[in-house]
Amino acid sequence: MKKPCGTRRAFGAALSAAALLGVAPLALAQDFPVRGGKPIRIVVGFTAGGGTDAQARIVAQKLGEMLGTGVIVDNKPGASTMLAASEVARALPDGYTLLYAPSSTMAQNPHTFSQVPYDPFKDFTAISMGGRGPLVLSVSTTVPARNVKELIAYVKANPGKVSYASFGAGTSSHIYGEAFVKKAGIDAVHIPYKGGSDAAKDLIGGRVQYMFDSASSAIITSGTGKVKILAIAANARIAALPEVPTFAEQGLTGLDLPSWLGFYGPAHMPAPVVARLNAALTQVLAMPQVREFYRSGGYEAGASTPEEFAGVTRSTYERWGAMVQQVGLAKQ
């Protein structure tokens, strides 16, 4: 793990010294954010134009209006969001650099990659949940299956001839795919892609038969008439796809790992800054326009307290670890 840069160490030293005087967090944070000062930067580990980027941008707009300061989105794609996360981990903990990240950044990457340049618990401050949105099982219409039971029967009738796509080796779609294979007792071939869009294109074209995809992407691909959504990988149905049952409703349990996005800052952020950001995000994520924007993409917008979000991060990390161990996935 990389050591903090000199400026961050200096900031931390200032915090510690002021804390001894009993004034640190408040004295250093009482004017946060400075109106007309430097903008708050929300770092996103995906390219511009994607679902996560779009969510970050609508939140940034409303957050800036509420706080009276500029809020910008900074796209840092690459390394399964680890480039973005490591940049925020190294930033000053002054509230002006935030990370908007999916659950995979903190809860999955440490279990699937041998080199992770950050510690999900020591290097970040949990600020608030942003939205919840599960993966779904999408199937090519070339497959004669109307539900999970029929898909399993089809794969069993064609052992080794059915393929499933993923966003890439070690990604959430791959882990879900392997878990499905094991729990269903089927023989299917994994085809990894370099991203969700390429995998979705081949699913639409019928070159692969099924995949675990984000709800937002699946909603788009199902609109082509070439893909159907058979199941929700969560413990409850979602508002964007109310007619699609969960795996548990169809008799297959254990495929309900939490999937969410949330806001983090660097470690050691002053408590008043965290509280200010959390209060503002809570209001933004409750706005009807924001909630509808999330819902249209298959997500449910909703904030949490920092303590609740830290707990969710820990519990999701533990569940992903158990799942990775269960499927026997080697670290990349």
Protein backbone atom coordinates (compact mmCIF):
# COMPACT_ATOMS: atom_id res chain seq x y z
CA MET A 1 0.00 0.00 0.00
CA LYS A 2 1.33 3.43 -0.89
CA LYS A 3 2.28 5.86 1.85
CA PRO A 4 0.44 9.18 2.04
CA CYS A 5 2.07 12.07 0.30
CA GLY A 6 3.80 14.83 2.25
CA THR A 7 0.93 17.31 1.97
CA ARG A 8 -1.51 14.76 3.32
CA ARG A 9 0.83 13.97 6.23
CA ALA A 10 1.08 17.69 6.95
CA PHE A 11 -2.70 18.02 6.95
CA GLY A 12 -2.99 15.04 9.28
CA ALA A 13 -0.38 16.53 11.58
CA ALA A 14 -2.32 19.81 11.69
CA LEU A 15 -5.47 17.93 12.60
CA SER A 16 -3.71 16.01 15.35
CA ALA A 17 -2.05 19.09 16.79
CA ALA A 18 -5.28 21.07 16.83
CA ALA A 19 -7.11 18.13 18.33
CA LEU A 20 -4.83 18.35 21.35
CA LEU A 21 -6.13 21.87 21.84
CA GLY A 22 -9.70 20.63 21.64
CA VAL A 23 -10.58 22.65 18.56
CA ALA A 24 -9.31 20.70 15.56
CA PRO A 25 -12.20 19.25 13.64
CA LEU A 26 -14.47 22.23 14.17
CA ALA A 27 -11.79 24.85 13.59
CA LEU A 28 -10.59 23.22 10.40
CA ALA A 29 -14.07 22.41 9.09
CA GLN A 30 -16.46 25.09 10.29
CA ASP A 31 -16.33 26.96 6.98
CA PHE A 32 -16.73 23.87 4.78
CA PRO A 33 -17.40 24.28 1.97
CA VAL A 34 -16.08 27.73 1.22
CA ARG A 35 -18.56 29.46 -1.08
CA GLY A 36 -16.85 30.46 -4.28
CA GLY A 37 -13.76 28.51 -3.27
CA LYS A 38 -12.30 25.42 -4.85
CA PRO A 39 -14.86 22.93 -6.10
CA ILE A 40 -15.67 19.58 -4.54
CA ARG A 41 -14.45 16.81 -6.82
CA ILE A 42 -16.34 13.51 -7.10
CA VAL A 43 -14.02 10.89 -8.59
CA VAL A 44 -15.69 8.10 -10.57
CA GLY A 45 -13.88 4.99 -11.76
CA PHE A 46 -15.77 4.76 -15.05
CA THR A 47 -15.79 6.62 -18.35
CA ALA A 48 -18.17 9.50 -18.94
CA GLY A 49 -21.61 8.57 -20.21
CA GLY A 50 -22.12 5.38 -18.25
CA GLY A 51 -24.72 4.74 -15.58
CA THR A 52 -22.48 5.40 -12.58
CA ASP A 53 -21.14 8.58 -14.17
CA ALA A 54 -24.69 9.78 -14.89
CA GLN A 55 -25.74 9.22 -11.29
CA ALA A 56 -22.69 11.08 -10.01
CA ARG A 57 -23.44 14.02 -12.29
CA ILE A 58 -27.04 14.52 -11.23
CA VAL A 59 -25.97 14.31 -7.59
CA ALA A 60 -23.10 16.74 -8.24
CA GLN A 61 -25.45 19.26 -9.81
CA LYS A 62 -27.93 19.17 -6.93
CA LEU A 63 -25.20 19.03 -4.30
CA GLY A 64 -23.53 22.12 -5.74
CA GLU A 65 -26.81 24.02 -5.72
CA MET A 66 -27.43 23.04 -2.11
CA LEU A 67 -23.93 23.81 -0.82
CA GLY A 68 -23.45 26.95 -2.89
CA THR A 69 -20.20 25.77 -4.41
CA GLY A 70 -18.92 24.02 -7.50
CA VAL A 71 -19.12 20.22 -7.58
CA ILE A 72 -17.48 18.46 -10.50
CA VAL A 73 -17.23 14.84 -11.61
CA ASP A 74 -13.74 13.59 -12.45
CA ASN A 75 -13.63 10.35 -14.45
CA LYS A 76 -10.67 8.08 -13.66
CA PRO A 77 -11.49 4.75 -15.34
CA GLY A 78 -9.25 1.73 -15.19
CA ALA A 79 -8.17 -1.28 -13.13
CA SER A 80 -11.71 -2.17 -12.05
CA THR A 81 -12.17 1.26 -10.36
CA MET A 82 -8.94 0.85 -8.38
CA LEU A 83 -7.27 3.84 -10.06
CA ALA A 84 -10.04 6.14 -8.88
CA ALA A 85 -10.12 4.66 -5.40
CA SER A 86 -6.37 4.88 -4.88
CA GLU A 87 -6.36 8.52 -6.00
CA VAL A 88 -8.99 9.42 -3.41
CA ALA A 89 -7.18 7.40 -0.74
CA ARG A 90 -4.11 9.60 -1.29
CA ALA A 91 -6.03 12.90 -1.28
CA LEU A 92 -6.24 15.43 1.52
CA PRO A 93 -9.08 14.52 3.91
CA ASP A 94 -10.59 18.00 3.71
CA GLY A 95 -13.91 17.07 2.09
CA TYR A 96 -13.05 18.40 -1.35
CA THR A 97 -12.19 15.02 -2.86
CA LEU A 98 -14.83 12.29 -2.78
CA LEU A 99 -15.24 8.88 -4.37
CA TYR A 100 -18.48 7.56 -5.83
CA ALA A 101 -17.93 3.85 -6.10
CA PRO A 102 -19.81 0.58 -6.54
CA SER A 103 -19.73 -2.10 -3.87
CA SER A 104 -17.17 -4.03 -5.92
CA THR A 105 -14.50 -1.38 -5.23
CA MET A 106 -14.45 -1.98 -1.48
CA ALA A 107 -16.12 -5.36 -1.02
CA GLN A 108 -15.04 -7.41 -4.03
CA ASN A 109 -11.72 -6.21 -5.44
CA PRO A 110 -9.72 -7.12 -2.31
CA HIS A 111 -10.90 -10.72 -2.75
CA THR A 112 -10.35 -11.03 -6.49
CA PHE A 113 -7.14 -9.08 -7.19
CA SER A 114 -3.71 -9.90 -5.77
CA GLN A 115 -2.56 -6.27 -5.96
CA VAL A 116 -5.03 -3.75 -4.52
CA PRO A 117 -3.44 -0.33 -3.88
CA TYR A 118 -5.69 0.57 -0.96
CA ASP A 119 -7.25 -0.83 2.19
CA PRO A 120 -11.07 -0.55 2.03
CA PHE A 121 -11.32 0.14 5.76
CA LYS A 122 -8.13 2.00 6.74
CA ASP A 123 -7.83 4.32 3.74
CA PHE A 124 -11.37 5.71 3.47
CA THR A 125 -14.11 7.50 5.38
CA ALA A 126 -17.60 6.18 4.67
CA ILE A 127 -19.95 9.13 4.08
CA SER A 128 -23.24 7.80 2.71
CA MET A 129 -24.91 5.15 0.65
CA GLY A 130 -25.94 6.49 -2.76
CA GLY A 131 -28.10 3.84 -4.36
CA ARG A 132 -28.88 0.15 -4.43
CA GLY A 133 -29.13 -1.80 -7.65
CA PRO A 134 -28.73 -5.56 -8.08
CA LEU A 135 -27.40 -7.54 -10.99
CA VAL A 136 -29.97 -9.43 -13.04
CA LEU A 137 -29.90 -12.57 -15.14
CA SER A 138 -30.30 -11.68 -18.82
CA VAL A 139 -30.85 -14.38 -21.45
CA SER A 140 -30.73 -14.32 -25.23
CA THR A 141 -34.10 -14.87 -26.86
CA THR A 142 -32.41 -17.68 -28.83
CA VAL A 143 -32.68 -19.68 -25.60
CA PRO A 144 -36.13 -21.28 -25.12
CA ALA A 145 -36.41 -20.45 -21.42
CA ARG A 146 -39.03 -18.32 -19.71
CA ASN A 147 -37.68 -18.66 -16.16
CA VAL A 148 -34.67 -19.86 -14.19
CA LYS A 149 -35.91 -23.45 -13.95
CA GLU A 150 -36.27 -23.70 -17.72
CA LEU A 151 -32.83 -22.13 -18.29
CA ILE A 152 -31.22 -24.69 -15.99
CA ALA A 153 -33.01 -27.51 -17.80
CA TYR A 154 -31.85 -26.13 -21.17
CA VAL A 155 -28.20 -25.92 -20.08
CA LYS A 156 -28.32 -29.42 -18.60
CA ALA A 157 -29.69 -30.70 -21.90
CA ASN A 158 -26.75 -29.05 -23.71
CA PRO A 159 -23.71 -29.59 -21.43
CA GLY A 160 -20.65 -27.60 -22.46
CA LYS A 161 -22.50 -25.99 -25.38
CA VAL A 162 -24.02 -23.01 -23.58
CA SER A 163 -21.85 -19.97 -22.83
CA TYR A 164 -22.29 -17.05 -20.48
CA ALA A 165 -20.65 -13.66 -20.75
CA SER A 166 -19.13 -11.51 -18.04
CA PHE A 167 -17.64 -8.01 -17.71
CA GLY A 168 -14.25 -9.74 -17.31
CA ALA A 169 -12.49 -12.35 -15.22
CA GLY A 170 -12.92 -11.67 -11.51
CA THR A 171 -15.74 -9.15 -11.94
CA SER A 172 -19.07 -9.40 -10.16
CA SER A 173 -20.76 -10.77 -13.28
CA HIS A 174 -18.13 -13.54 -13.44
CA ILE A 175 -18.50 -14.43 -9.76
CA TYR A 176 -22.28 -14.52 -10.01
CA GLY A 177 -21.95 -16.62 -13.16
CA GLU A 178 -19.74 -19.18 -11.42
CA ALA A 179 -21.98 -19.24 -8.37
CA PHE A 180 -25.00 -19.88 -10.60
CA VAL A 181 -23.18 -22.74 -12.34
CA LYS A 182 -22.34 -24.38 -9.01
CA LYS A 183 -25.71 -23.86 -7.34
CA ALA A 184 -27.64 -25.04 -10.41
CA GLY A 185 -25.30 -27.94 -11.10
CA ILE A 186 -24.82 -27.06 -14.75
CA ASP A 187 -21.95 -27.12 -17.26
CA ALA A 188 -21.61 -23.74 -18.99
CA VAL A 189 -18.64 -22.01 -20.62
CA HIS A 190 -17.46 -18.64 -19.31
CA ILE A 191 -16.64 -16.00 -21.95
CA PRO A 192 -14.95 -12.95 -20.35
CA TYR A 193 -15.14 -9.56 -22.07
CA LYS A 194 -13.31 -6.29 -21.49
CA GLY A 195 -16.45 -4.58 -20.26
CA GLY A 196 -20.19 -4.82 -19.91
CA SER A 197 -21.02 -3.12 -23.21
CA ASP A 198 -19.08 -5.63 -25.33
CA ALA A 199 -20.64 -8.54 -23.43
CA ALA A 200 -24.13 -7.07 -23.89
CA LYS A 201 -23.57 -6.68 -27.66
CA ASP A 202 -22.78 -10.36 -28.02
CA LEU A 203 -25.74 -11.30 -25.86
CA ILE A 204 -27.99 -9.28 -28.16
CA GLY A 205 -26.38 -10.97 -31.15
CA GLY A 206 -26.94 -14.42 -29.67
CA ARG A 207 -23.22 -15.25 -29.65
CA VAL A 208 -23.47 -15.95 -25.91
CA GLN A 209 -26.58 -17.30 -24.24
CA TYR A 210 -26.82 -15.50 -20.91
CA MET A 211 -25.05 -13.16 -18.52
CA PHE A 212 -25.36 -11.43 -15.18
CA ASP A 213 -25.69 -7.76 -16.04
CA SER A 214 -26.49 -4.52 -14.24
CA ALA A 215 -30.18 -3.74 -14.14
CA SER A 216 -29.63 -0.47 -16.02
CA SER A 217 -27.85 -2.21 -18.90
CA ALA A 218 -30.32 -5.10 -18.93
CA ILE A 219 -33.25 -2.74 -19.24
CA ILE A 220 -31.64 -1.28 -22.37
CA THR A 221 -30.75 -4.62 -23.94
CA SER A 222 -34.19 -6.09 -23.25
CA GLY A 223 -35.65 -3.15 -25.16
CA THR A 224 -34.09 -4.55 -28.34
CA GLY A 225 -36.39 -7.57 -28.19
CA LYS A 226 -33.33 -9.82 -28.37
CA VAL A 227 -32.84 -10.24 -24.63
CA LYS A 228 -35.15 -11.19 -21.77
CA ILE A 229 -34.60 -10.70 -18.04
CA LEU A 230 -35.34 -13.83 -16.02
CA ALA A 231 -34.32 -13.05 -12.44
CA ILE A 232 -33.20 -10.42 -9.94
CA ALA A 233 -30.06 -11.22 -7.93
CA ALA A 234 -31.36 -9.65 -4.72
CA ASN A 235 -33.61 -10.44 -1.78
CA ALA A 236 -36.50 -8.43 -3.23
CA ARG A 237 -37.89 -7.29 -6.56
CA ILE A 238 -37.00 -3.80 -7.79
CA ALA A 239 -39.30 -0.96 -8.79
CA ALA A 240 -37.79 -0.69 -12.28
CA LEU A 241 -38.60 -4.35 -13.04
CA PRO A 242 -41.56 -5.21 -10.81
CA GLU A 243 -42.62 -8.15 -12.98
CA VAL A 244 -39.25 -9.95 -12.72
CA PRO A 245 -38.97 -12.37 -9.76
CA THR A 246 -35.88 -12.92 -7.63
CA PHE A 247 -33.84 -16.12 -7.74
CA ALA A 248 -35.21 -17.12 -4.35
CA GLU A 249 -38.75 -16.80 -5.64
CA GLN A 250 -37.77 -19.30 -8.32
CA GLY A 251 -36.24 -21.76 -5.89
CA LEU A 252 -32.53 -20.87 -6.09
CA THR A 253 -31.08 -19.29 -2.94
CA GLY A 254 -27.73 -17.66 -2.19
CA LEU A 255 -27.64 -15.32 -5.20
CA ASP A 256 -28.68 -12.20 -3.33
CA LEU A 257 -25.41 -10.46 -2.51
CA PRO A 258 -25.88 -6.72 -1.92
CA SER A 259 -24.98 -4.43 -4.80
CA TRP A 260 -24.82 -0.69 -4.24
CA LEU A 261 -22.96 2.55 -4.86
CA GLY A 262 -21.84 5.03 -2.26
CA PHE A 263 -19.77 8.04 -1.31
CA TYR A 264 -16.40 7.87 0.44
CA GLY A 265 -13.68 10.32 1.31
CA PRO A 266 -10.07 9.79 2.36
CA ALA A 267 -9.39 8.45 5.85
CA HIS A 268 -9.36 10.85 8.82
CA MET A 269 -11.89 13.37 7.53
CA PRO A 270 -13.08 15.79 10.26
CA ALA A 271 -16.41 14.69 11.71
CA PRO A 272 -18.14 18.06 11.01
CA VAL A 273 -17.20 17.81 7.32
CA VAL A 274 -18.54 14.26 7.13
CA ALA A 275 -21.73 15.36 8.86
CA ARG A 276 -22.16 18.33 6.50
CA LEU A 277 -21.70 16.18 3.41
CA ASN A 278 -23.95 13.43 4.76
CA ALA A 279 -26.76 15.87 5.53
CA ALA A 280 -26.54 17.41 2.05
CA LEU A 281 -26.42 14.03 0.30
CA THR A 282 -29.41 12.85 2.32
CA GLN A 283 -31.45 15.76 1.01
CA VAL A 284 -30.23 15.37 -2.57
CA LEU A 285 -30.92 11.64 -2.73
CA ALA A 286 -34.46 12.23 -1.42
CA MET A 287 -35.32 14.66 -4.24
CA PRO A 288 -38.05 13.26 -6.54
CA GLN A 289 -36.05 14.11 -9.66
CA VAL A 290 -32.99 12.27 -8.37
CA ARG A 291 -34.99 9.27 -7.15
CA GLU A 292 -36.72 8.94 -10.51
CA PHE A 293 -33.40 9.21 -12.34
CA TYR A 294 -31.99 6.35 -10.29
CA ARG A 295 -35.17 4.30 -10.65
CA SER A 296 -35.15 4.62 -14.44
CA GLY A 297 -31.74 2.97 -14.41
CA GLY A 298 -32.75 0.10 -12.17
CA TYR A 299 -31.49 1.61 -8.91
CA GLU A 300 -33.09 2.86 -5.74
CA ALA A 301 -31.63 6.14 -4.49
CA GLY A 302 -31.20 6.41 -0.76
CA ALA A 303 -28.76 7.81 1.75
CA SER A 304 -27.58 6.36 5.05
CA THR A 305 -25.65 7.53 8.06
CA PRO A 306 -21.85 7.22 7.84
CA GLU A 307 -21.97 4.54 10.53
CA GLU A 308 -24.60 2.54 8.67
CA PHE A 309 -22.63 2.79 5.44
CA ALA A 310 -19.42 1.67 7.11
CA GLY A 311 -21.32 -1.34 8.47
CA VAL A 312 -22.77 -2.17 5.05
CA THR A 313 -19.29 -1.96 3.52
CA ARG A 314 -17.93 -4.40 6.09
CA SER A 315 -20.80 -6.90 5.84
CA THR A 316 -20.76 -6.84 2.01
CA TYR A 317 -17.00 -7.37 2.04
CA GLU A 318 -17.44 -10.44 4.21
CA ARG A 319 -20.22 -11.88 2.05
CA TRP A 320 -18.25 -11.38 -1.16
CA GLY A 321 -15.26 -13.07 0.46
CA ALA A 322 -17.37 -16.09 1.30
CA MET A 323 -18.79 -16.20 -2.23
CA VAL A 324 -15.36 -15.98 -3.88
CA GLN A 325 -14.08 -18.77 -1.65
CA GLN A 326 -17.15 -20.88 -2.40
CA VAL A 327 -16.69 -20.70 -6.16
CA GLY A 328 -12.95 -21.24 -5.85
CA LEU A 329 -11.98 -18.19 -7.89
CA ALA A 330 -8.22 -17.52 -7.97
CA LYS A 331 -7.01 -13.94 -7.56
CA GLN A 332 -6.14 -12.17 -10.78
